[in-house]
Amino acid sequence: MDQKGINSAIASALYRAPLDAFQKLVKKAEENSKSVRLERLIIRGNKNLDDVLSLMTLLKQEGASLGLITQLDLLTQTEVHLLCF
């Protein structure tokens, strides 16, 4: 192999080395972003539905930067269940 071939091989290897690591990092980030965490928030002793709706609005505003979504799941006379994901 001549000097030009060696230089080309070295340049190609140096180019590919960080590219492979970067592709692995992107793949790992995509895998982690696909996981969704679901939590159930149970509220007991609420006086009326307006209090719960106000809490949902507050969670939506404060959690917007984190992508937090709340959804009313169950409403009974004694408790309310909110899904947070």
PDB file of N, CA and C in Angstrom:
ATOM      1  N   MET A   1       0.856  -1.180   0.000  1.00  0.00           N
ATOM      2  CA  MET A   1       0.000   0.000   0.000  1.00  0.00           C
ATOM      3  C   MET A   1       0.897   1.237   0.000  1.00  0.00           C
ATOM      4  N   ASP A   2       0.575   2.186  -0.835  1.00  0.00           N
ATOM      5  CA  ASP A   2       1.376   3.404  -0.932  1.00  0.00           C
ATOM      6  C   ASP A   2       0.937   4.415   0.129  1.00  0.00           C
ATOM      7  N   GLN A   3       1.658   5.516   0.207  1.00  0.00           N
ATOM      8  CA  GLN A   3       1.396   6.546   1.220  1.00  0.00           C
ATOM      9  C   GLN A   3      -0.013   7.118   1.075  1.00  0.00           C
ATOM     10  N   LYS A   4      -0.459   7.322  -0.132  1.00  0.00           N
ATOM     11  CA  LYS A   4      -1.799   7.873  -0.371  1.00  0.00           C
ATOM     12  C   LYS A   4      -2.870   6.906   0.155  1.00  0.00           C
ATOM     13  N   GLY A   5      -2.696   5.622  -0.055  1.00  0.00           N
ATOM     14  CA  GLY A   5      -3.641   4.611   0.421  1.00  0.00           C
ATOM     15  C   GLY A   5      -3.683   4.542   1.943  1.00  0.00           C
ATOM     16  N   ILE A   6      -2.481   4.643   2.551  1.00  0.00           N
ATOM     17  CA  ILE A   6      -2.405   4.632   4.018  1.00  0.00           C
ATOM     18  C   ILE A   6      -3.104   5.860   4.595  1.00  0.00           C
ATOM     19  N   ASN A   7      -2.830   7.025   4.006  1.00  0.00           N
ATOM     20  CA  ASN A   7      -3.471   8.259   4.478  1.00  0.00           C
ATOM     21  C   ASN A   7      -4.987   8.176   4.340  1.00  0.00           C
ATOM     22  N   SER A   8      -5.438   7.623   3.243  1.00  0.00           N
ATOM     23  CA  SER A   8      -6.874   7.489   3.015  1.00  0.00           C
ATOM     24  C   SER A   8      -7.502   6.541   4.039  1.00  0.00           C
ATOM     25  N   ALA A   9      -6.827   5.432   4.303  1.00  0.00           N
ATOM     26  CA  ALA A   9      -7.339   4.467   5.281  1.00  0.00           C
ATOM     27  C   ALA A   9      -7.402   5.084   6.678  1.00  0.00           C
ATOM     28  N   ILE A  10      -6.373   5.820   7.059  1.00  0.00           N
ATOM     29  CA  ILE A  10      -6.355   6.482   8.380  1.00  0.00           C
ATOM     30  C   ILE A  10      -7.470   7.519   8.472  1.00  0.00           C
ATOM     31  N   ALA A  11      -7.619   8.315   7.421  1.00  0.00           N
ATOM     32  CA  ALA A  11      -8.673   9.335   7.425  1.00  0.00           C
ATOM     33  C   ALA A  11     -10.061   8.701   7.524  1.00  0.00           C
ATOM     34  N   SER A  12     -10.263   7.628   6.797  1.00  0.00           N
ATOM     35  CA  SER A  12     -11.557   6.932   6.846  1.00  0.00           C
ATOM     36  C   SER A  12     -11.826   6.366   8.231  1.00  0.00           C
ATOM     37  N   ALA A  13     -10.799   5.771   8.850  1.00  0.00           N
ATOM     38  CA  ALA A  13     -10.955   5.202  10.189  1.00  0.00           C
ATOM     39  C   ALA A  13     -11.251   6.291  11.210  1.00  0.00           C
ATOM     40  N   LEU A  14     -10.561   7.427  11.097  1.00  0.00           N
ATOM     41  CA  LEU A  14     -10.803   8.535  12.024  1.00  0.00           C
ATOM     42  C   LEU A  14     -12.201   9.123  11.840  1.00  0.00           C
ATOM     43  N   TYR A  15     -12.686   9.117  10.627  1.00  0.00           N
ATOM     44  CA  TYR A  15     -14.031   9.639  10.347  1.00  0.00           C
ATOM     45  C   TYR A  15     -15.101   8.698  10.906  1.00  0.00           C
ATOM     46  N   ARG A  16     -14.904   7.397  10.718  1.00  0.00           N
ATOM     47  CA  ARG A  16     -15.911   6.421  11.133  1.00  0.00           C
ATOM     48  C   ARG A  16     -15.959   6.224  12.636  1.00  0.00           C
ATOM     49  N   ALA A  17     -14.859   6.359  13.339  1.00  0.00           N
ATOM     50  CA  ALA A  17     -14.808   6.079  14.774  1.00  0.00           C
ATOM     51  C   ALA A  17     -15.842   6.900  15.557  1.00  0.00           C
ATOM     52  N   PRO A  18     -15.857   8.231  15.453  1.00  0.00           N
ATOM     53  CA  PRO A  18     -16.870   8.975  16.203  1.00  0.00           C
ATOM     54  C   PRO A  18     -18.271   8.817  15.610  1.00  0.00           C
ATOM     55  N   LEU A  19     -18.345   8.530  14.321  1.00  0.00           N
ATOM     56  CA  LEU A  19     -19.650   8.362  13.683  1.00  0.00           C
ATOM     57  C   LEU A  19     -20.376   7.156  14.254  1.00  0.00           C
ATOM     58  N   ASP A  20     -19.676   6.045  14.455  1.00  0.00           N
ATOM     59  CA  ASP A  20     -20.295   4.856  15.048  1.00  0.00           C
ATOM     60  C   ASP A  20     -20.774   5.138  16.469  1.00  0.00           C
ATOM     61  N   ALA A  21     -19.948   5.809  17.249  1.00  0.00           N
ATOM     62  CA  ALA A  21     -20.331   6.137  18.631  1.00  0.00           C
ATOM     63  C   ALA A  21     -21.541   7.069  18.645  1.00  0.00           C
ATOM     64  N   PHE A  22     -21.564   8.020  17.726  1.00  0.00           N
ATOM     65  CA  PHE A  22     -22.685   8.947  17.650  1.00  0.00           C
ATOM     66  C   PHE A  22     -23.966   8.215  17.270  1.00  0.00           C
ATOM     67  N   GLN A  23     -23.881   7.278  16.329  1.00  0.00           N
ATOM     68  CA  GLN A  23     -25.060   6.514  15.924  1.00  0.00           C
ATOM     69  C   GLN A  23     -25.583   5.661  17.076  1.00  0.00           C
ATOM     70  N   LYS A  24     -24.699   5.094  17.881  1.00  0.00           N
ATOM     71  CA  LYS A  24     -25.117   4.326  19.053  1.00  0.00           C
ATOM     72  C   LYS A  24     -25.812   5.229  20.068  1.00  0.00           C
ATOM     73  N   LEU A  25     -25.288   6.439  20.258  1.00  0.00           N
ATOM     74  CA  LEU A  25     -25.893   7.389  21.186  1.00  0.00           C
ATOM     75  C   LEU A  25     -27.281   7.800  20.721  1.00  0.00           C
ATOM     76  N   VAL A  26     -27.448   8.055  19.438  1.00  0.00           N
ATOM     77  CA  VAL A  26     -28.750   8.426  18.883  1.00  0.00           C
ATOM     78  C   VAL A  26     -29.745   7.283  19.066  1.00  0.00           C
ATOM     79  N   LYS A  27     -29.312   6.067  18.814  1.00  0.00           N
ATOM     80  CA  LYS A  27     -30.188   4.900  18.963  1.00  0.00           C
ATOM     81  C   LYS A  27     -30.633   4.741  20.408  1.00  0.00           C
ATOM     82  N   LYS A  28     -29.708   4.913  21.350  1.00  0.00           N
ATOM     83  CA  LYS A  28     -30.050   4.791  22.775  1.00  0.00           C
ATOM     84  C   LYS A  28     -31.037   5.881  23.193  1.00  0.00           C
ATOM     85  N   ALA A  29     -30.844   7.091  22.700  1.00  0.00           N
ATOM     86  CA  ALA A  29     -31.765   8.187  23.018  1.00  0.00           C
ATOM     87  C   ALA A  29     -33.149   7.910  22.457  1.00  0.00           C
ATOM     88  N   GLU A  30     -33.228   7.363  21.259  1.00  0.00           N
ATOM     89  CA  GLU A  30     -34.523   7.034  20.670  1.00  0.00           C
ATOM     90  C   GLU A  30     -35.225   5.942  21.467  1.00  0.00           C
ATOM     91  N   GLU A  31     -34.487   4.950  21.928  1.00  0.00           N
ATOM     92  CA  GLU A  31     -35.082   3.875  22.727  1.00  0.00           C
ATOM     93  C   GLU A  31     -35.630   4.410  24.045  1.00  0.00           C
ATOM     94  N   ASN A  32     -34.891   5.310  24.686  1.00  0.00           N
ATOM     95  CA  ASN A  32     -35.346   5.875  25.955  1.00  0.00           C
ATOM     96  C   ASN A  32     -36.540   6.786  25.783  1.00  0.00           C
ATOM     97  N   SER A  33     -36.627   7.477  24.665  1.00  0.00           N
ATOM     98  CA  SER A  33     -37.739   8.398  24.458  1.00  0.00           C
ATOM     99  C   SER A  33     -39.037   7.655  24.166  1.00  0.00           C
ATOM    100  N   LYS A  34     -38.936   6.397  23.727  1.00  0.00           N
ATOM    101  CA  LYS A  34     -40.128   5.618  23.435  1.00  0.00           C
ATOM    102  C   LYS A  34     -40.797   5.090  24.692  1.00  0.00           C
ATOM    103  N   SER A  35     -40.057   5.037  25.787  1.00  0.00           N
ATOM    104  CA  SER A  35     -40.653   4.546  27.026  1.00  0.00           C
ATOM    105  C   SER A  35     -41.508   5.647  27.630  1.00  0.00           C
ATOM    106  N   VAL A  36     -42.690   5.257  28.050  1.00  0.00           N
ATOM    107  CA  VAL A  36     -43.624   6.214  28.629  1.00  0.00           C
ATOM    108  C   VAL A  36     -43.877   5.794  30.066  1.00  0.00           C
ATOM    109  N   ARG A  37     -43.733   6.710  30.949  1.00  0.00           N
ATOM    110  CA  ARG A  37     -43.978   6.432  32.353  1.00  0.00           C
ATOM    111  C   ARG A  37     -45.382   6.903  32.680  1.00  0.00           C
ATOM    112  N   LEU A  38     -46.152   6.029  33.293  1.00  0.00           N
ATOM    113  CA  LEU A  38     -47.534   6.315  33.637  1.00  0.00           C
ATOM    114  C   LEU A  38     -47.681   6.256  35.149  1.00  0.00           C
ATOM    115  N   GLU A  39     -48.219   7.287  35.732  1.00  0.00           N
ATOM    116  CA  GLU A  39     -48.462   7.348  37.168  1.00  0.00           C
ATOM    117  C   GLU A  39     -49.929   7.672  37.403  1.00  0.00           C
ATOM    118  N   ARG A  40     -50.471   7.107  38.465  1.00  0.00           N
ATOM    119  CA  ARG A  40     -51.850   7.393  38.846  1.00  0.00           C
ATOM    120  C   ARG A  40     -51.811   8.273  40.091  1.00  0.00           C
ATOM    121  N   LEU A  41     -52.455   9.406  40.004  1.00  0.00           N
ATOM    122  CA  LEU A  41     -52.568  10.329  41.127  1.00  0.00           C
ATOM    123  C   LEU A  41     -53.977  10.190  41.688  1.00  0.00           C
ATOM    124  N   ILE A  42     -54.076   9.791  42.946  1.00  0.00           N
ATOM    125  CA  ILE A  42     -55.375   9.589  43.588  1.00  0.00           C
ATOM    126  C   ILE A  42     -55.619  10.734  44.553  1.00  0.00           C
ATOM    127  N   ILE A  43     -56.745  11.411  44.359  1.00  0.00           N
ATOM    128  CA  ILE A  43     -57.114  12.555  45.188  1.00  0.00           C
ATOM    129  C   ILE A  43     -58.324  12.156  46.021  1.00  0.00           C
ATOM    130  N   ARG A  44     -58.192  12.309  47.321  1.00  0.00           N
ATOM    131  CA  ARG A  44     -59.295  11.995  48.234  1.00  0.00           C
ATOM    132  C   ARG A  44     -59.648  13.242  49.018  1.00  0.00           C
ATOM    133  N   GLY A  45     -60.919  13.377  49.336  1.00  0.00           N
ATOM    134  CA  GLY A  45     -61.363  14.502  50.169  1.00  0.00           C
ATOM    135  C   GLY A  45     -61.553  15.796  49.403  1.00  0.00           C
ATOM    136  N   ASN A  46     -61.676  15.707  48.093  1.00  0.00           N
ATOM    137  CA  ASN A  46     -61.897  16.935  47.329  1.00  0.00           C
ATOM    138  C   ASN A  46     -63.336  17.412  47.543  1.00  0.00           C
ATOM    139  N   LYS A  47     -63.516  18.705  47.548  1.00  0.00           N
ATOM    140  CA  LYS A  47     -64.838  19.296  47.795  1.00  0.00           C
ATOM    141  C   LYS A  47     -65.712  19.288  46.542  1.00  0.00           C
ATOM    142  N   ASN A  48     -65.103  19.601  45.405  1.00  0.00           N
ATOM    143  CA  ASN A  48     -65.877  19.614  44.165  1.00  0.00           C
ATOM    144  C   ASN A  48     -64.970  19.380  42.964  1.00  0.00           C
ATOM    145  N   LEU A  49     -65.565  19.176  41.834  1.00  0.00           N
ATOM    146  CA  LEU A  49     -64.821  18.880  40.616  1.00  0.00           C
ATOM    147  C   LEU A  49     -63.991  20.073  40.148  1.00  0.00           C
ATOM    148  N   ASP A  50     -64.428  21.288  40.448  1.00  0.00           N
ATOM    149  CA  ASP A  50     -63.659  22.475  40.045  1.00  0.00           C
ATOM    150  C   ASP A  50     -62.257  22.467  40.650  1.00  0.00           C
ATOM    151  N   ASP A  51     -62.141  21.962  41.900  1.00  0.00           N
ATOM    152  CA  ASP A  51     -60.813  21.880  42.524  1.00  0.00           C
ATOM    153  C   ASP A  51     -59.906  20.941  41.729  1.00  0.00           C
ATOM    154  N   VAL A  52     -60.454  19.833  41.307  1.00  0.00           N
ATOM    155  CA  VAL A  52     -59.676  18.858  40.540  1.00  0.00           C
ATOM    156  C   VAL A  52     -59.294  19.438  39.178  1.00  0.00           C
ATOM    157  N   LEU A  53     -60.229  20.097  38.520  1.00  0.00           N
ATOM    158  CA  LEU A  53     -59.942  20.701  37.217  1.00  0.00           C
ATOM    159  C   LEU A  53     -58.888  21.793  37.341  1.00  0.00           C
ATOM    160  N   SER A  54     -58.931  22.543  38.443  1.00  0.00           N
ATOM    161  CA  SER A  54     -57.909  23.575  38.683  1.00  0.00           C
ATOM    162  C   SER A  54     -56.538  22.936  38.866  1.00  0.00           C
ATOM    163  N   LEU A  55     -56.493  21.815  39.587  1.00  0.00           N
ATOM    164  CA  LEU A  55     -55.229  21.102  39.760  1.00  0.00           C
ATOM    165  C   LEU A  55     -54.715  20.587  38.424  1.00  0.00           C
ATOM    166  N   MET A  56     -55.595  20.062  37.599  1.00  0.00           N
ATOM    167  CA  MET A  56     -55.183  19.572  36.283  1.00  0.00           C
ATOM    168  C   MET A  56     -54.615  20.695  35.429  1.00  0.00           C
ATOM    169  N   THR A  57     -55.229  21.862  35.493  1.00  0.00           N
ATOM    170  CA  THR A  57     -54.741  23.029  34.753  1.00  0.00           C
ATOM    171  C   THR A  57     -53.363  23.437  35.254  1.00  0.00           C
ATOM    172  N   LEU A  58     -53.189  23.440  36.562  1.00  0.00           N
ATOM    173  CA  LEU A  58     -51.896  23.797  37.148  1.00  0.00           C
ATOM    174  C   LEU A  58     -50.822  22.798  36.741  1.00  0.00           C
ATOM    175  N   LEU A  59     -51.140  21.504  36.786  1.00  0.00           N
ATOM    176  CA  LEU A  59     -50.179  20.484  36.374  1.00  0.00           C
ATOM    177  C   LEU A  59     -49.823  20.624  34.896  1.00  0.00           C
ATOM    178  N   LYS A  60     -50.804  20.970  34.086  1.00  0.00           N
ATOM    179  CA  LYS A  60     -50.554  21.155  32.659  1.00  0.00           C
ATOM    180  C   LYS A  60     -49.614  22.330  32.417  1.00  0.00           C
ATOM    181  N   GLN A  61     -49.844  23.435  33.130  1.00  0.00           N
ATOM    182  CA  GLN A  61     -49.013  24.623  32.946  1.00  0.00           C
ATOM    183  C   GLN A  61     -47.587  24.390  33.443  1.00  0.00           C
ATOM    184  N   GLU A  62     -47.476  23.839  34.647  1.00  0.00           N
ATOM    185  CA  GLU A  62     -46.153  23.660  35.244  1.00  0.00           C
ATOM    186  C   GLU A  62     -45.379  22.501  34.617  1.00  0.00           C
ATOM    187  N   GLY A  63     -46.091  21.507  34.116  1.00  0.00           N
ATOM    188  CA  GLY A  63     -45.430  20.344  33.544  1.00  0.00           C
ATOM    189  C   GLY A  63     -45.256  20.402  32.045  1.00  0.00           C
ATOM    190  N   ALA A  64     -45.635  21.503  31.423  1.00  0.00           N
ATOM    191  CA  ALA A  64     -45.558  21.613  29.961  1.00  0.00           C
ATOM    192  C   ALA A  64     -44.135  21.445  29.454  1.00  0.00           C
ATOM    193  N   SER A  65     -43.182  22.004  30.167  1.00  0.00           N
ATOM    194  CA  SER A  65     -41.789  21.902  29.707  1.00  0.00           C
ATOM    195  C   SER A  65     -41.263  20.480  29.791  1.00  0.00           C
ATOM    196  N   LEU A  66     -41.907  19.655  30.622  1.00  0.00           N
ATOM    197  CA  LEU A  66     -41.492  18.257  30.754  1.00  0.00           C
ATOM    198  C   LEU A  66     -42.339  17.325  29.903  1.00  0.00           C
ATOM    199  N   GLY A  67     -43.348  17.880  29.242  1.00  0.00           N
ATOM    200  CA  GLY A  67     -44.234  17.050  28.422  1.00  0.00           C
ATOM    201  C   GLY A  67     -45.253  16.284  29.253  1.00  0.00           C
ATOM    202  N   LEU A  68     -45.549  16.767  30.442  1.00  0.00           N
ATOM    203  CA  LEU A  68     -46.503  16.100  31.328  1.00  0.00           C
ATOM    204  C   LEU A  68     -47.923  16.269  30.803  1.00  0.00           C
ATOM    205  N   ILE A  69     -48.638  15.162  30.763  1.00  0.00           N
ATOM    206  CA  ILE A  69     -50.039  15.171  30.348  1.00  0.00           C
ATOM    207  C   ILE A  69     -50.853  14.545  31.464  1.00  0.00           C
ATOM    208  N   THR A  70     -51.961  15.163  31.822  1.00  0.00           N
ATOM    209  CA  THR A  70     -52.857  14.590  32.829  1.00  0.00           C
ATOM    210  C   THR A  70     -54.207  14.316  32.182  1.00  0.00           C
ATOM    211  N   GLN A  71     -54.829  13.267  32.670  1.00  0.00           N
ATOM    212  CA  GLN A  71     -56.120  12.860  32.129  1.00  0.00           C
ATOM    213  C   GLN A  71     -56.974  12.336  33.273  1.00  0.00           C
ATOM    214  N   LEU A  72     -58.225  12.756  33.320  1.00  0.00           N
ATOM    215  CA  LEU A  72     -59.163  12.272  34.324  1.00  0.00           C
ATOM    216  C   LEU A  72     -59.506  10.829  34.000  1.00  0.00           C
ATOM    217  N   ASP A  73     -59.274   9.939  34.975  1.00  0.00           N
ATOM    218  CA  ASP A  73     -59.475   8.514  34.738  1.00  0.00           C
ATOM    219  C   ASP A  73     -60.713   7.983  35.457  1.00  0.00           C
ATOM    220  N   LEU A  74     -60.908   8.381  36.711  1.00  0.00           N
ATOM    221  CA  LEU A  74     -62.015   7.861  37.500  1.00  0.00           C
ATOM    222  C   LEU A  74     -62.527   8.956  38.426  1.00  0.00           C
ATOM    223  N   LEU A  75     -63.817   9.055  38.519  1.00  0.00           N
ATOM    224  CA  LEU A  75     -64.445  10.048  39.389  1.00  0.00           C
ATOM    225  C   LEU A  75     -65.539   9.357  40.193  1.00  0.00           C
ATOM    226  N   THR A  76     -65.374   9.339  41.502  1.00  0.00           N
ATOM    227  CA  THR A  76     -66.400   8.799  42.389  1.00  0.00           C
ATOM    228  C   THR A  76     -66.733   9.849  43.432  1.00  0.00           C
ATOM    229  N   GLN A  77     -67.636   9.525  44.328  1.00  0.00           N
ATOM    230  CA  GLN A  77     -67.999  10.481  45.381  1.00  0.00           C
ATOM    231  C   GLN A  77     -66.877  10.678  46.382  1.00  0.00           C
ATOM    232  N   THR A  78     -66.001   9.698  46.512  1.00  0.00           N
ATOM    233  CA  THR A  78     -64.962   9.778  47.545  1.00  0.00           C
ATOM    234  C   THR A  78     -63.565  10.090  47.001  1.00  0.00           C
ATOM    235  N   GLU A  79     -63.317   9.827  45.717  1.00  0.00           N
ATOM    236  CA  GLU A  79     -61.978  10.080  45.195  1.00  0.00           C
ATOM    237  C   GLU A  79     -61.985  10.292  43.685  1.00  0.00           C
ATOM    238  N   VAL A  80     -60.874  10.860  43.233  1.00  0.00           N
ATOM    239  CA  VAL A  80     -60.655  11.115  41.812  1.00  0.00           C
ATOM    240  C   VAL A  80     -59.298  10.515  41.445  1.00  0.00           C
ATOM    241  N   HIS A  81     -59.237   9.842  40.306  1.00  0.00           N
ATOM    242  CA  HIS A  81     -57.980   9.293  39.807  1.00  0.00           C
ATOM    243  C   HIS A  81     -57.570  10.059  38.556  1.00  0.00           C
ATOM    244  N   LEU A  82     -56.356  10.547  38.573  1.00  0.00           N
ATOM    245  CA  LEU A  82     -55.779  11.214  37.406  1.00  0.00           C
ATOM    246  C   LEU A  82     -54.640  10.359  36.877  1.00  0.00           C
ATOM    247  N   LEU A  83     -54.573  10.220  35.574  1.00  0.00           N
ATOM    248  CA  LEU A  83     -53.435   9.563  34.944  1.00  0.00           C
ATOM    249  C   LEU A  83     -52.453  10.644  34.521  1.00  0.00           C
ATOM    250  N   CYS A  84     -51.213  10.471  34.902  1.00  0.00           N
ATOM    251  CA  CYS A  84     -50.160  11.430  34.556  1.00  0.00           C
ATOM    252  C   CYS A  84     -49.101  10.687  33.752  1.00  0.00           C
ATOM    253  N   PHE A  85     -48.861  11.172  32.540  1.00  0.00           N
ATOM    254  CA  PHE A  85     -47.833  10.551  31.702  1.00  0.00           C
ATOM    255  C   PHE A  85     -47.136  11.592  30.872  1.00  0.00           C
TER     256      PHE A  85
END
